[in-house]
Full PDB file with SEQRES, HELIX, SHEET, SSBOND, CRYST1, ORIGX, SCALE, CONECT and MASTER records, all heavy atoms in Angstrom:
SEQRES   1 A   38  ILE ALA LYS ALA GLN ALA MET GLY SER VAL TYR LEU HIS          
SEQRES   2 A   38  ALA GLN VAL GLN ALA GLU ALA PHE TYR THR LYS LYS GLY          
SEQRES   3 A   38  PHE ILE LYS THR GLY ASP HIS PHE MET GLU ALA ASP              
HELIX    1 AA1 VAL A   16  ALA A   18  5                                   3    
HELIX    2 AA2 GLU A   19  LYS A   24  1                                   6    
CRYST1    1.000    1.000    1.000  90.00  90.00  90.00 P 1           1          
ORIGX1      1.000000  0.000000  0.000000        0.00000                         
ORIGX2      0.000000  1.000000  0.000000        0.00000                         
ORIGX3      0.000000  0.000000  1.000000        0.00000                         
SCALE1      1.000000  0.000000  0.000000        0.00000                         
SCALE2      0.000000  1.000000  0.000000        0.00000                         
SCALE3      0.000000  0.000000  1.000000        0.00000                         
ATOM      1  N   ILE A   1      11.971  -9.027  -1.195  1.00  0.00           N  
ATOM      2  CA  ILE A   1      11.501 -10.406  -1.022  1.00  0.00           C  
ATOM      3  C   ILE A   1      10.532 -10.720  -2.059  1.00  0.00           C  
ATOM      4  O   ILE A   1      10.627 -11.702  -2.763  1.00  0.00           O  
ATOM      5  CB  ILE A   1      10.941 -10.561   0.327  1.00  0.00           C  
ATOM      6  CG1 ILE A   1      12.020 -10.636   1.423  1.00  0.00           C  
ATOM      7  CG2 ILE A   1      10.178 -11.936   0.383  1.00  0.00           C  
ATOM      8  CD1 ILE A   1      11.534 -10.557   2.849  1.00  0.00           C  
ATOM      9  N   ALA A   2       9.630  -9.648  -2.295  1.00  0.00           N  
ATOM     10  CA  ALA A   2       8.552  -9.993  -3.414  1.00  0.00           C  
ATOM     11  C   ALA A   2       9.134 -10.055  -4.758  1.00  0.00           C  
ATOM     12  O   ALA A   2       8.982 -10.892  -5.500  1.00  0.00           O  
ATOM     13  CB  ALA A   2       7.582  -8.698  -3.311  1.00  0.00           C  
ATOM     14  N   LYS A   3      10.179  -9.159  -5.022  1.00  0.00           N  
ATOM     15  CA  LYS A   3      10.888  -9.242  -6.288  1.00  0.00           C  
ATOM     16  C   LYS A   3      11.558 -10.501  -6.451  1.00  0.00           C  
ATOM     17  O   LYS A   3      11.587 -11.080  -7.602  1.00  0.00           O  
ATOM     18  CB  LYS A   3      11.897  -8.058  -6.339  1.00  0.00           C  
ATOM     19  CG  LYS A   3      11.208  -6.649  -6.633  1.00  0.00           C  
ATOM     20  CD  LYS A   3      12.278  -5.566  -6.666  1.00  0.00           C  
ATOM     21  CE  LYS A   3      11.590  -4.195  -6.816  1.00  0.00           C  
ATOM     22  NZ  LYS A   3      12.651  -3.175  -6.769  1.00  0.00           N  
ATOM     23  N   ALA A   4      12.319 -11.050  -5.466  1.00  0.00           N  
ATOM     24  CA  ALA A   4      13.050 -12.321  -5.477  1.00  0.00           C  
ATOM     25  C   ALA A   4      12.091 -13.484  -5.795  1.00  0.00           C  
ATOM     26  O   ALA A   4      12.390 -14.543  -6.265  1.00  0.00           O  
ATOM     27  CB  ALA A   4      13.786 -12.538  -4.195  1.00  0.00           C  
ATOM     28  N   GLN A   5      10.734 -13.275  -5.358  1.00  0.00           N  
ATOM     29  CA  GLN A   5       9.767 -14.385  -5.636  1.00  0.00           C  
ATOM     30  C   GLN A   5       8.974 -14.141  -7.036  1.00  0.00           C  
ATOM     31  O   GLN A   5       7.944 -14.755  -7.294  1.00  0.00           O  
ATOM     32  CB  GLN A   5       8.805 -14.462  -4.390  1.00  0.00           C  
ATOM     33  CG  GLN A   5       9.522 -14.926  -3.258  1.00  0.00           C  
ATOM     34  CD  GLN A   5       8.575 -15.242  -2.143  1.00  0.00           C  
ATOM     35  OE1 GLN A   5       7.391 -15.121  -2.217  1.00  0.00           O  
ATOM     36  NE2 GLN A   5       9.135 -15.601  -0.982  1.00  0.00           N  
ATOM     37  N   ALA A   6       9.529 -13.100  -7.747  1.00  0.00           N  
ATOM     38  CA  ALA A   6       8.977 -12.834  -9.102  1.00  0.00           C  
ATOM     39  C   ALA A   6       7.385 -12.466  -9.007  1.00  0.00           C  
ATOM     40  O   ALA A   6       6.705 -12.695  -9.841  1.00  0.00           O  
ATOM     41  CB  ALA A   6       9.095 -14.036  -9.949  1.00  0.00           C  
ATOM     42  N   MET A   7       7.193 -11.652  -7.821  1.00  0.00           N  
ATOM     43  CA  MET A   7       5.837 -11.163  -7.828  1.00  0.00           C  
ATOM     44  C   MET A   7       5.665  -9.907  -8.681  1.00  0.00           C  
ATOM     45  O   MET A   7       6.535  -9.167  -8.750  1.00  0.00           O  
ATOM     46  CB  MET A   7       5.344 -10.696  -6.305  1.00  0.00           C  
ATOM     47  CG  MET A   7       5.311 -11.929  -5.369  1.00  0.00           C  
ATOM     48  SD  MET A   7       4.859 -11.266  -3.706  1.00  0.00           S  
ATOM     49  CE  MET A   7       4.972 -12.785  -2.758  1.00  0.00           C  
ATOM     50  N   GLY A   8       4.691  -9.779  -9.370  1.00  0.00           N  
ATOM     51  CA  GLY A   8       4.448  -8.782 -10.348  1.00  0.00           C  
ATOM     52  C   GLY A   8       4.074  -7.314  -9.596  1.00  0.00           C  
ATOM     53  O   GLY A   8       4.356  -6.247 -10.107  1.00  0.00           O  
ATOM     54  N   SER A   9       3.414  -7.504  -8.368  1.00  0.00           N  
ATOM     55  CA  SER A   9       3.003  -6.297  -7.653  1.00  0.00           C  
ATOM     56  C   SER A   9       2.928  -6.730  -6.147  1.00  0.00           C  
ATOM     57  O   SER A   9       2.959  -7.977  -5.927  1.00  0.00           O  
ATOM     58  CB  SER A   9       1.793  -5.752  -8.060  1.00  0.00           C  
ATOM     59  OG  SER A   9       0.715  -6.608  -7.945  1.00  0.00           O  
ATOM     60  N   VAL A  10       2.903  -5.812  -5.401  1.00  0.00           N  
ATOM     61  CA  VAL A  10       2.545  -5.980  -3.906  1.00  0.00           C  
ATOM     62  C   VAL A  10       1.551  -4.890  -3.610  1.00  0.00           C  
ATOM     63  O   VAL A  10       1.408  -3.857  -4.210  1.00  0.00           O  
ATOM     64  CB  VAL A  10       3.820  -5.695  -2.995  1.00  0.00           C  
ATOM     65  CG1 VAL A  10       4.842  -6.905  -3.238  1.00  0.00           C  
ATOM     66  CG2 VAL A  10       4.434  -4.426  -3.173  1.00  0.00           C  
ATOM     67  N   TYR A  11       0.809  -5.207  -2.487  1.00  0.00           N  
ATOM     68  CA  TYR A  11      -0.245  -4.236  -2.087  1.00  0.00           C  
ATOM     69  C   TYR A  11      -0.297  -4.192  -0.563  1.00  0.00           C  
ATOM     70  O   TYR A  11       0.316  -5.045   0.099  1.00  0.00           O  
ATOM     71  CB  TYR A  11      -1.576  -4.529  -2.639  1.00  0.00           C  
ATOM     72  CG  TYR A  11      -2.269  -5.659  -2.134  1.00  0.00           C  
ATOM     73  CD1 TYR A  11      -3.260  -5.542  -1.218  1.00  0.00           C  
ATOM     74  CD2 TYR A  11      -1.878  -7.094  -2.505  1.00  0.00           C  
ATOM     75  CE1 TYR A  11      -3.836  -6.808  -0.540  1.00  0.00           C  
ATOM     76  CE2 TYR A  11      -2.560  -8.182  -1.940  1.00  0.00           C  
ATOM     77  CZ  TYR A  11      -3.510  -8.064  -0.969  1.00  0.00           C  
ATOM     78  OH  TYR A  11      -4.106  -9.114  -0.386  1.00  0.00           O  
ATOM     79  N   LEU A  12      -0.950  -3.196  -0.161  1.00  0.00           N  
ATOM     80  CA  LEU A  12      -1.089  -3.066   1.354  1.00  0.00           C  
ATOM     81  C   LEU A  12      -2.278  -2.186   1.660  1.00  0.00           C  
ATOM     82  O   LEU A  12      -2.909  -1.660   0.889  1.00  0.00           O  
ATOM     83  CB  LEU A  12       0.253  -2.393   1.956  1.00  0.00           C  
ATOM     84  CG  LEU A  12       0.731  -1.149   1.386  1.00  0.00           C  
ATOM     85  CD1 LEU A  12      -0.005   0.001   1.785  1.00  0.00           C  
ATOM     86  CD2 LEU A  12       2.179  -0.990   1.669  1.00  0.00           C  
ATOM     87  N   HIS A  13      -2.699  -2.275   2.947  1.00  0.00           N  
ATOM     88  CA  HIS A  13      -3.855  -1.506   3.456  1.00  0.00           C  
ATOM     89  C   HIS A  13      -3.097  -0.414   4.367  1.00  0.00           C  
ATOM     90  O   HIS A  13      -2.784  -0.725   5.409  1.00  0.00           O  
ATOM     91  CB  HIS A  13      -4.844  -2.258   4.206  1.00  0.00           C  
ATOM     92  CG  HIS A  13      -5.628  -3.238   3.367  1.00  0.00           C  
ATOM     93  ND1 HIS A  13      -6.464  -4.142   3.888  1.00  0.00           N  
ATOM     94  CD2 HIS A  13      -5.702  -3.298   1.986  1.00  0.00           C  
ATOM     95  CE1 HIS A  13      -7.003  -4.809   2.934  1.00  0.00           C  
ATOM     96  NE2 HIS A  13      -6.532  -4.298   1.689  1.00  0.00           N  
ATOM     97  N   ALA A  14      -2.917   0.804   3.854  1.00  0.00           N  
ATOM     98  CA  ALA A  14      -2.170   1.790   4.582  1.00  0.00           C  
ATOM     99  C   ALA A  14      -3.202   2.542   5.567  1.00  0.00           C  
ATOM    100  O   ALA A  14      -4.245   2.948   5.194  1.00  0.00           O  
ATOM    101  CB  ALA A  14      -1.645   2.759   3.586  1.00  0.00           C  
ATOM    102  N   GLN A  15      -2.688   2.814   6.710  1.00  0.00           N  
ATOM    103  CA  GLN A  15      -3.397   3.617   7.601  1.00  0.00           C  
ATOM    104  C   GLN A  15      -3.259   5.129   6.991  1.00  0.00           C  
ATOM    105  O   GLN A  15      -2.381   5.475   6.429  1.00  0.00           O  
ATOM    106  CB  GLN A  15      -2.780   3.709   9.010  1.00  0.00           C  
ATOM    107  CG  GLN A  15      -3.159   2.297   9.815  1.00  0.00           C  
ATOM    108  CD  GLN A  15      -2.673   2.356  11.097  1.00  0.00           C  
ATOM    109  OE1 GLN A  15      -2.249   3.349  11.737  1.00  0.00           O  
ATOM    110  NE2 GLN A  15      -2.664   1.138  11.763  1.00  0.00           N  
ATOM    111  N   VAL A  16      -4.365   5.867   6.849  1.00  0.00           N  
ATOM    112  CA  VAL A  16      -4.353   7.099   6.147  1.00  0.00           C  
ATOM    113  C   VAL A  16      -3.228   8.091   6.571  1.00  0.00           C  
ATOM    114  O   VAL A  16      -2.760   8.725   5.804  1.00  0.00           O  
ATOM    115  CB  VAL A  16      -5.746   7.829   6.132  1.00  0.00           C  
ATOM    116  CG1 VAL A  16      -6.859   7.083   5.404  1.00  0.00           C  
ATOM    117  CG2 VAL A  16      -6.209   8.116   7.598  1.00  0.00           C  
ATOM    118  N   GLN A  17      -2.906   7.984   7.853  1.00  0.00           N  
ATOM    119  CA  GLN A  17      -1.742   8.916   8.259  1.00  0.00           C  
ATOM    120  C   GLN A  17      -0.470   8.422   7.691  1.00  0.00           C  
ATOM    121  O   GLN A  17       0.516   9.209   7.688  1.00  0.00           O  
ATOM    122  CB  GLN A  17      -1.619   8.928   9.783  1.00  0.00           C  
ATOM    123  CG  GLN A  17      -1.114   7.868  10.508  1.00  0.00           C  
ATOM    124  CD  GLN A  17      -2.199   6.748  10.900  1.00  0.00           C  
ATOM    125  OE1 GLN A  17      -3.230   6.871  10.524  1.00  0.00           O  
ATOM    126  NE2 GLN A  17      -1.772   5.894  11.745  1.00  0.00           N  
ATOM    127  N   ALA A  18      -0.314   7.227   7.120  1.00  0.00           N  
ATOM    128  CA  ALA A  18       0.877   6.663   6.612  1.00  0.00           C  
ATOM    129  C   ALA A  18       0.819   6.689   5.038  1.00  0.00           C  
ATOM    130  O   ALA A  18       1.757   6.312   4.376  1.00  0.00           O  
ATOM    131  CB  ALA A  18       1.105   5.362   6.954  1.00  0.00           C  
ATOM    132  N   GLU A  19      -0.218   7.205   4.446  1.00  0.00           N  
ATOM    133  CA  GLU A  19      -0.485   7.357   2.995  1.00  0.00           C  
ATOM    134  C   GLU A  19       0.640   7.946   2.283  1.00  0.00           C  
ATOM    135  O   GLU A  19       1.131   7.512   1.280  1.00  0.00           O  
ATOM    136  CB  GLU A  19      -1.820   7.782   2.707  1.00  0.00           C  
ATOM    137  CG  GLU A  19      -2.122   7.792   1.238  1.00  0.00           C  
ATOM    138  CD  GLU A  19      -3.602   8.303   0.813  1.00  0.00           C  
ATOM    139  OE1 GLU A  19      -4.453   8.491   1.809  1.00  0.00           O  
ATOM    140  OE2 GLU A  19      -3.868   8.665  -0.224  1.00  0.00           O  
ATOM    141  N   ALA A  20       1.199   9.142   2.837  1.00  0.00           N  
ATOM    142  CA  ALA A  20       2.125   9.892   2.147  1.00  0.00           C  
ATOM    143  C   ALA A  20       3.453   9.116   2.171  1.00  0.00           C  
ATOM    144  O   ALA A  20       4.196   9.141   1.181  1.00  0.00           O  
ATOM    145  CB  ALA A  20       2.354  11.142   2.803  1.00  0.00           C  
ATOM    146  N   PHE A  21       3.744   8.396   3.182  1.00  0.00           N  
ATOM    147  CA  PHE A  21       4.936   7.656   3.336  1.00  0.00           C  
ATOM    148  C   PHE A  21       4.984   6.570   2.145  1.00  0.00           C  
ATOM    149  O   PHE A  21       6.013   6.363   1.590  1.00  0.00           O  
ATOM    150  CB  PHE A  21       5.041   6.904   4.703  1.00  0.00           C  
ATOM    151  CG  PHE A  21       6.036   5.790   4.856  1.00  0.00           C  
ATOM    152  CD1 PHE A  21       7.290   6.079   4.971  1.00  0.00           C  
ATOM    153  CD2 PHE A  21       5.591   4.496   4.686  1.00  0.00           C  
ATOM    154  CE1 PHE A  21       8.270   5.107   5.182  1.00  0.00           C  
ATOM    155  CE2 PHE A  21       6.569   3.453   4.860  1.00  0.00           C  
ATOM    156  CZ  PHE A  21       7.876   3.727   5.083  1.00  0.00           C  
ATOM    157  N   TYR A  22       3.859   5.926   1.927  1.00  0.00           N  
ATOM    158  CA  TYR A  22       3.985   4.820   0.932  1.00  0.00           C  
ATOM    159  C   TYR A  22       3.842   5.354  -0.455  1.00  0.00           C  
ATOM    160  O   TYR A  22       4.416   4.912  -1.318  1.00  0.00           O  
ATOM    161  CB  TYR A  22       2.610   3.962   1.199  1.00  0.00           C  
ATOM    162  CG  TYR A  22       2.791   2.982   2.348  1.00  0.00           C  
ATOM    163  CD1 TYR A  22       1.980   3.231   3.459  1.00  0.00           C  
ATOM    164  CD2 TYR A  22       3.718   2.110   2.458  1.00  0.00           C  
ATOM    165  CE1 TYR A  22       2.141   2.422   4.646  1.00  0.00           C  
ATOM    166  CE2 TYR A  22       3.910   1.314   3.545  1.00  0.00           C  
ATOM    167  CZ  TYR A  22       2.956   1.494   4.649  1.00  0.00           C  
ATOM    168  OH  TYR A  22       3.236   0.687   5.768  1.00  0.00           O  
ATOM    169  N   THR A  23       3.181   6.586  -0.559  1.00  0.00           N  
ATOM    170  CA  THR A  23       3.214   7.378  -1.858  1.00  0.00           C  
ATOM    171  C   THR A  23       4.622   7.643  -2.246  1.00  0.00           C  
ATOM    172  O   THR A  23       5.102   7.491  -3.389  1.00  0.00           O  
ATOM    173  CB  THR A  23       2.303   8.503  -1.832  1.00  0.00           C  
ATOM    174  OG1 THR A  23       0.921   8.152  -1.566  1.00  0.00           O  
ATOM    175  CG2 THR A  23       2.411   9.258  -3.239  1.00  0.00           C  
ATOM    176  N   LYS A  24       5.458   7.980  -1.282  1.00  0.00           N  
ATOM    177  CA  LYS A  24       6.871   8.495  -1.653  1.00  0.00           C  
ATOM    178  C   LYS A  24       7.722   7.228  -2.047  1.00  0.00           C  
ATOM    179  O   LYS A  24       8.798   7.226  -2.764  1.00  0.00           O  
ATOM    180  CB  LYS A  24       7.597   9.070  -0.335  1.00  0.00           C  
ATOM    181  CG  LYS A  24       7.183  10.464   0.021  1.00  0.00           C  
ATOM    182  CD  LYS A  24       7.744  10.922   1.144  1.00  0.00           C  
ATOM    183  CE  LYS A  24       7.160  12.217   1.621  1.00  0.00           C  
ATOM    184  NZ  LYS A  24       7.587  12.713   2.825  1.00  0.00           N  
ATOM    185  N   LYS A  25       7.215   6.033  -1.652  1.00  0.00           N  
ATOM    186  CA  LYS A  25       7.780   4.810  -1.936  1.00  0.00           C  
ATOM    187  C   LYS A  25       7.324   4.217  -3.261  1.00  0.00           C  
ATOM    188  O   LYS A  25       7.669   3.052  -3.691  1.00  0.00           O  
ATOM    189  CB  LYS A  25       7.717   3.820  -0.799  1.00  0.00           C  
ATOM    190  CG  LYS A  25       8.289   4.297   0.436  1.00  0.00           C  
ATOM    191  CD  LYS A  25       9.771   4.381   0.234  1.00  0.00           C  
ATOM    192  CE  LYS A  25      10.411   4.959   1.476  1.00  0.00           C  
ATOM    193  NZ  LYS A  25      11.897   5.469   1.468  1.00  0.00           N  
ATOM    194  N   GLY A  26       6.456   4.929  -3.996  1.00  0.00           N  
ATOM    195  CA  GLY A  26       5.940   4.523  -5.307  1.00  0.00           C  
ATOM    196  C   GLY A  26       4.503   3.772  -5.223  1.00  0.00           C  
ATOM    197  O   GLY A  26       4.107   3.310  -6.392  1.00  0.00           O  
ATOM    198  N   PHE A  27       3.868   3.575  -4.058  1.00  0.00           N  
ATOM    199  CA  PHE A  27       2.740   2.997  -4.071  1.00  0.00           C  
ATOM    200  C   PHE A  27       1.749   3.859  -4.560  1.00  0.00           C  
ATOM    201  O   PHE A  27       1.698   5.142  -4.299  1.00  0.00           O  
ATOM    202  CB  PHE A  27       2.369   2.546  -2.605  1.00  0.00           C  
ATOM    203  CG  PHE A  27       3.130   1.320  -2.087  1.00  0.00           C  
ATOM    204  CD1 PHE A  27       4.400   1.339  -1.721  1.00  0.00           C  
ATOM    205  CD2 PHE A  27       2.434   0.144  -2.080  1.00  0.00           C  
ATOM    206  CE1 PHE A  27       4.971   0.294  -1.240  1.00  0.00           C  
ATOM    207  CE2 PHE A  27       3.080  -1.070  -1.745  1.00  0.00           C  
ATOM    208  CZ  PHE A  27       4.436  -1.013  -1.239  1.00  0.00           C  
ATOM    209  N   ILE A  28       0.613   3.446  -5.182  1.00  0.00           N  
ATOM    210  CA  ILE A  28      -0.491   4.182  -5.750  1.00  0.00           C  
ATOM    211  C   ILE A  28      -1.743   3.774  -5.048  1.00  0.00           C  
ATOM    212  O   ILE A  28      -2.139   2.528  -4.914  1.00  0.00           O  
ATOM    213  CB  ILE A  28      -0.593   3.918  -7.280  1.00  0.00           C  
ATOM    214  CG1 ILE A  28       0.776   4.394  -7.965  1.00  0.00           C  
ATOM    215  CG2 ILE A  28      -1.886   4.624  -7.872  1.00  0.00           C  
ATOM    216  CD1 ILE A  28       0.810   4.071  -9.450  1.00  0.00           C  
ATOM    217  N   LYS A  29      -2.494   4.778  -4.697  1.00  0.00           N  
ATOM    218  CA  LYS A  29      -3.762   4.480  -3.984  1.00  0.00           C  
ATOM    219  C   LYS A  29      -4.794   4.016  -5.011  1.00  0.00           C  
ATOM    220  O   LYS A  29      -4.871   4.401  -6.129  1.00  0.00           O  
ATOM    221  CB  LYS A  29      -4.307   6.000  -3.450  1.00  0.00           C  
ATOM    222  CG  LYS A  29      -5.698   5.949  -2.871  1.00  0.00           C  
ATOM    223  CD  LYS A  29      -6.014   7.277  -2.341  1.00  0.00           C  
ATOM    224  CE  LYS A  29      -7.474   7.341  -2.069  1.00  0.00           C  
ATOM    225  NZ  LYS A  29      -7.729   8.816  -1.672  1.00  0.00           N  
ATOM    226  N   THR A  30      -5.490   2.922  -4.569  1.00  0.00           N  
ATOM    227  CA  THR A  30      -6.556   2.346  -5.390  1.00  0.00           C  
ATOM    228  C   THR A  30      -7.774   2.226  -4.569  1.00  0.00           C  
ATOM    229  O   THR A  30      -7.954   1.411  -3.619  1.00  0.00           O  
ATOM    230  CB  THR A  30      -6.102   0.973  -5.930  1.00  0.00           C  
ATOM    231  OG1 THR A  30      -5.833   0.021  -4.837  1.00  0.00           O  
ATOM    232  CG2 THR A  30      -4.871   0.957  -6.785  1.00  0.00           C  
ATOM    233  N   GLY A  31      -8.718   3.200  -4.919  1.00  0.00           N  
ATOM    234  CA  GLY A  31     -10.030   3.076  -4.144  1.00  0.00           C  
ATOM    235  C   GLY A  31     -10.146   4.118  -3.096  1.00  0.00           C  
ATOM    236  O   GLY A  31      -9.262   4.893  -2.841  1.00  0.00           O  
ATOM    237  N   ASP A  32     -11.179   3.990  -2.345  1.00  0.00           N  
ATOM    238  CA  ASP A  32     -11.532   4.895  -1.296  1.00  0.00           C  
ATOM    239  C   ASP A  32     -11.138   4.430   0.081  1.00  0.00           C  
ATOM    240  O   ASP A  32     -10.759   3.338   0.157  1.00  0.00           O  
ATOM    241  CB  ASP A  32     -13.033   5.143  -1.249  1.00  0.00           C  
ATOM    242  CG  ASP A  32     -13.615   5.643  -2.572  1.00  0.00           C  
ATOM    243  OD1 ASP A  32     -12.969   6.534  -3.194  1.00  0.00           O  
ATOM    244  OD2 ASP A  32     -14.723   5.348  -3.037  1.00  0.00           O  
ATOM    245  N   HIS A  33     -11.136   5.377   1.018  1.00  0.00           N  
ATOM    246  CA  HIS A  33     -10.813   4.963   2.232  1.00  0.00           C  
ATOM    247  C   HIS A  33     -11.841   3.995   2.868  1.00  0.00           C  
ATOM    248  O   HIS A  33     -13.051   4.018   2.522  1.00  0.00           O  
ATOM    249  CB  HIS A  33     -10.774   6.231   3.199  1.00  0.00           C  
ATOM    250  CG  HIS A  33      -9.684   7.223   2.823  1.00  0.00           C  
ATOM    251  ND1 HIS A  33      -9.574   8.499   3.258  1.00  0.00           N  
ATOM    252  CD2 HIS A  33      -8.432   6.885   2.347  1.00  0.00           C  
ATOM    253  CE1 HIS A  33      -8.555   9.040   2.820  1.00  0.00           C  
ATOM    254  NE2 HIS A  33      -7.743   8.189   2.226  1.00  0.00           N  
ATOM    255  N   PHE A  34     -11.416   3.128   3.679  1.00  0.00           N  
ATOM    256  CA  PHE A  34     -12.287   2.164   4.430  1.00  0.00           C  
ATOM    257  C   PHE A  34     -11.717   1.939   5.819  1.00  0.00           C  
ATOM    258  O   PHE A  34     -10.740   2.322   6.294  1.00  0.00           O  
ATOM    259  CB  PHE A  34     -12.341   0.918   3.670  1.00  0.00           C  
ATOM    260  CG  PHE A  34     -10.968   0.275   3.503  1.00  0.00           C  
ATOM    261  CD1 PHE A  34     -10.459  -0.760   4.432  1.00  0.00           C  
ATOM    262  CD2 PHE A  34     -10.129   0.445   2.438  1.00  0.00           C  
ATOM    263  CE1 PHE A  34      -9.279  -1.400   4.366  1.00  0.00           C  
ATOM    264  CE2 PHE A  34      -8.903  -0.113   2.383  1.00  0.00           C  
ATOM    265  CZ  PHE A  34      -8.481  -1.044   3.328  1.00  0.00           C  
ATOM    266  N   MET A  35     -12.738   1.387   6.658  1.00  0.00           N  
ATOM    267  CA  MET A  35     -12.345   1.229   8.068  1.00  0.00           C  
ATOM    268  C   MET A  35     -11.980  -0.184   8.252  1.00  0.00           C  
ATOM    269  O   MET A  35     -12.572  -1.091   7.638  1.00  0.00           O  
ATOM    270  CB  MET A  35     -13.612   1.430   8.878  1.00  0.00           C  
ATOM    271  CG  MET A  35     -14.076   2.888   8.891  1.00  0.00           C  
ATOM    272  SD  MET A  35     -12.839   4.104   9.422  1.00  0.00           S  
ATOM    273  CE  MET A  35     -12.867   3.684  11.130  1.00  0.00           C  
ATOM    274  N   GLU A  36     -10.945  -0.451   8.980  1.00  0.00           N  
ATOM    275  CA  GLU A  36     -10.299  -1.801   9.323  1.00  0.00           C  
ATOM    276  C   GLU A  36      -9.867  -1.614  10.759  1.00  0.00           C  
ATOM    277  O   GLU A  36      -8.911  -0.650  11.001  1.00  0.00           O  
ATOM    278  CB  GLU A  36      -9.064  -2.074   8.303  1.00  0.00           C  
ATOM    279  CG  GLU A  36      -8.679  -3.478   8.488  1.00  0.00           C  
ATOM    280  CD  GLU A  36      -7.695  -3.824   7.317  1.00  0.00           C  
ATOM    281  OE1 GLU A  36      -6.510  -3.583   7.466  1.00  0.00           O  
ATOM    282  OE2 GLU A  36      -8.107  -4.387   6.262  1.00  0.00           O  
ATOM    283  N   ALA A  37     -10.276  -2.389  11.661  1.00  0.00           N  
ATOM    284  CA  ALA A  37      -9.906  -2.369  13.123  1.00  0.00           C  
ATOM    285  C   ALA A  37     -10.271  -0.946  13.663  1.00  0.00           C  
ATOM    286  O   ALA A  37      -9.464  -0.546  14.412  1.00  0.00           O  
ATOM    287  CB  ALA A  37      -8.488  -2.843  13.304  1.00  0.00           C  
ATOM    288  N   ASP A  38     -11.362  -0.342  13.152  1.00  0.00           N  
ATOM    289  CA  ASP A  38     -11.680   1.031  13.553  1.00  0.00           C  
ATOM    290  C   ASP A  38     -10.653   2.092  13.228  1.00  0.00           C  
ATOM    291  O   ASP A  38     -10.590   3.183  13.852  1.00  0.00           O  
ATOM    292  CB  ASP A  38     -12.058   1.042  15.105  1.00  0.00           C  
ATOM    293  CG  ASP A  38     -13.303   0.307  15.466  1.00  0.00           C  
ATOM    294  OD1 ASP A  38     -14.180   0.263  14.574  1.00  0.00           O  
ATOM    295  OD2 ASP A  38     -13.457  -0.267  16.464  1.00  0.00           O  
TER     296      ASP A  38                                                      
MASTER        0    0    0    2    0    0    0    6  295    1    0    3          
END                                                                             
């Protein structure tokens, strides 16, 4: 969907236990861990 809308990039806030899942999909970690909804 993002590609079809010509977005240059997408981002997300991954829960740390899902970080490896997103890394395998090509996402790159940017920054330190933070708390969101505890």
